[in-house]
């Protein structure tokens, strides 16, 4: 893996994105998005994750994160591992999931293709952390993640997307606790 895509300094904040294998639109179902939210909350409470911004799209997740102590690479590893396990179970138990067999087949195929010892791969292997070097860069990434649903045509205003921190930055209260970038000097 390139040095460009590693958590080099745990005292800094990072923009990370991680996608479902083969860019499968897994998160068209709210119950799957709720599993991501629950896992992020757990990482905030138990794994020292600091959350500055976030957005769940249909096939991927964007986060702006920092840490109170636990190495960021450990937080991301645990978040991806846990969500992979709970989402795999959720897919298996969802009797209304009309794409279940296809999704499972794609995820099993991805695991084999990557010489993965697991039989199932929900996430693409990389998270591509990008260290946010200054406030301008941090706000550019924040705007990017908040306007993702607008660009995709899901909403007309960023703060209308329920699965994002855009509402928090528009004076409302979102679904997750965040630390506003406005209070942070990078």
Foldseek 3Di string as FASTA:
>chain_A
DDPQQDDPDLVFKWKWKWWWVVLAQQPVDPVLLVLLVVLVQCCVVPVFKAWAKKFDGRTMIITIIHGPDHDPVVSVVVSQVVSQVVVLVVLVPDPVPPCSVVSQVSQQVVCVVVVHPDSGHTIDPGTRIHTQPWLVSVVVVRVVRLCPCCVVVNDVGSLVRQGICVVVVVVHDHDDDHDHSVVDTD
